[in-house]
Protein backbone atom coordinates (compact mmCIF):
# COMPACT_ATOMS: atom_id res chain seq x y z
CA MET A 1 96.78 121.74 108.97
CA ARG A 2 97.79 123.14 105.61
CA ILE A 3 95.76 125.78 103.84
CA TYR A 4 96.95 124.62 100.43
CA PRO A 5 98.61 121.39 99.33
CA PRO A 6 102.36 121.61 98.61
CA LEU A 7 103.27 122.47 95.04
CA THR A 8 105.26 120.04 92.94
CA ALA A 9 108.22 121.07 90.78
CA HIS A 10 105.98 120.76 87.72
CA GLU A 11 103.35 123.02 89.28
CA LEU A 12 105.99 125.60 90.20
CA ALA A 13 107.31 125.52 86.62
CA ALA A 14 103.78 125.98 85.30
CA ILE A 15 103.36 129.06 87.49
CA TYR A 16 106.47 130.59 85.97
CA ASP A 17 105.40 129.59 82.46
CA ALA A 18 102.05 131.31 83.02
CA GLU A 19 103.71 134.48 84.32
CA PRO A 20 107.45 134.61 83.50
CA THR A 21 108.25 137.84 85.35
CA PRO A 22 111.40 138.71 87.31
CA ASN A 23 109.38 138.71 90.55
CA ILE A 24 108.02 135.21 89.96
CA LEU A 25 111.50 134.00 89.02
CA ARG A 26 112.91 135.46 92.26
CA LEU A 27 110.19 133.75 94.31
CA LEU A 28 110.91 130.44 92.59
CA GLN A 29 114.61 130.85 93.32
CA GLU A 30 113.79 131.37 97.00
CA ILE A 31 111.56 128.28 96.97
CA HIS A 32 114.41 126.32 95.39
CA ARG A 33 116.78 127.52 98.15
CA LEU A 34 114.30 126.44 100.83
CA HIS A 35 113.83 123.07 99.12
CA ASN A 36 117.58 122.55 99.31
CA THR A 37 117.49 123.19 103.06
CA ILE A 38 114.66 120.68 103.41
CA ARG A 39 116.66 118.12 101.41
CA ARG A 40 119.65 118.67 103.70
CA ALA A 41 117.42 118.15 106.75
CA ASP A 42 116.09 114.94 105.21
CA GLN A 43 119.66 113.77 104.53
CA ILE A 44 120.48 114.31 108.20
CA ARG A 45 117.27 112.57 109.28
CA GLN A 46 118.21 109.53 107.20
CA MET A 47 121.69 109.47 108.74
CA ILE A 48 120.29 109.72 112.25
CA GLY A 49 117.83 106.91 111.67
CA SER A 50 114.48 106.22 113.26
CA TYR A 51 115.93 105.76 116.76
CA GLY A 52 117.90 109.00 116.80
CA THR A 53 121.32 107.42 117.13
CA ALA A 54 123.72 107.49 114.23
CA TYR A 55 126.68 109.31 112.82
CA VAL A 56 126.04 112.45 110.77
CA ALA A 57 128.87 113.23 108.39
CA GLY A 58 130.67 116.38 109.45
CA THR A 59 130.44 117.99 106.04
CA VAL A 60 126.68 117.42 105.88
CA TRP A 61 126.21 118.88 109.35
CA GLN A 62 128.45 121.86 108.59
CA CYS A 63 126.47 122.65 105.45
CA PHE A 64 123.22 122.39 107.37
CA GLU A 65 124.48 124.65 110.16
CA ARG A 66 125.67 127.20 107.61
CA GLU A 67 122.31 127.12 105.81
CA LEU A 68 120.43 127.65 109.07
CA ALA A 69 122.79 130.42 110.20
CA GLU A 70 122.06 132.28 106.96
CA GLU A 71 118.30 131.75 107.19
CA PRO A 72 116.61 135.16 107.51
CA CYS A 73 113.52 133.83 109.29
CA LEU A 74 115.75 132.52 112.11
CA ARG A 75 117.85 135.67 112.41
CA SER A 76 115.11 138.26 112.58
CA ASN A 77 112.29 138.61 115.05
CA GLN A 78 111.07 141.76 113.35
CA THR A 79 107.61 141.78 111.88
CA THR A 80 106.74 143.42 108.58
CA PRO A 81 104.29 146.33 108.44
CA ARG A 82 101.68 143.94 106.99
CA GLN A 83 102.17 141.52 109.90
CA GLU A 84 101.94 144.40 112.38
CA ALA A 85 98.65 145.53 110.84
CA ARG A 86 97.22 142.00 111.08
CA LEU A 87 98.33 141.68 114.69
CA ASP A 88 96.80 145.07 115.52
CA ARG A 89 93.49 144.07 113.91
CA ALA A 90 93.46 140.76 115.78
CA TYR A 91 94.24 142.48 119.08
CA ARG A 92 91.48 145.07 118.54
CA HIS A 93 89.05 142.29 117.64
CA MET A 94 89.97 140.38 120.83
CA GLU A 95 89.55 143.52 122.93
CA ALA A 96 86.19 144.29 121.35
CA ASN A 97 84.91 140.76 122.02
CA LYS A 98 86.20 140.57 125.61
CA GLY A 99 83.01 141.82 127.16
CA ARG A 100 80.77 139.61 125.03
CA ARG A 101 81.76 136.37 126.69
């Protein structure tokens, strides 16, 4: 279940137009990079077909493997301080509610 609907390219452009800062530009560049990875995955899905048996061009697969190998979210299991704080709050909340059940 999604919290928000996916943004279209036009909506992303409108966000930048409304606030054309270096930070917003950097976020949009990261979104563009992730969109390219999704497009590559879709290209592979189309080559594989609906039954899961087909030839995937070596160059397409190599690009996809390289993109995934460089993906920070797959290389790091470290949580950010903000994530740690949320996990700590959730854990304390669970501990506090343990006896109430």
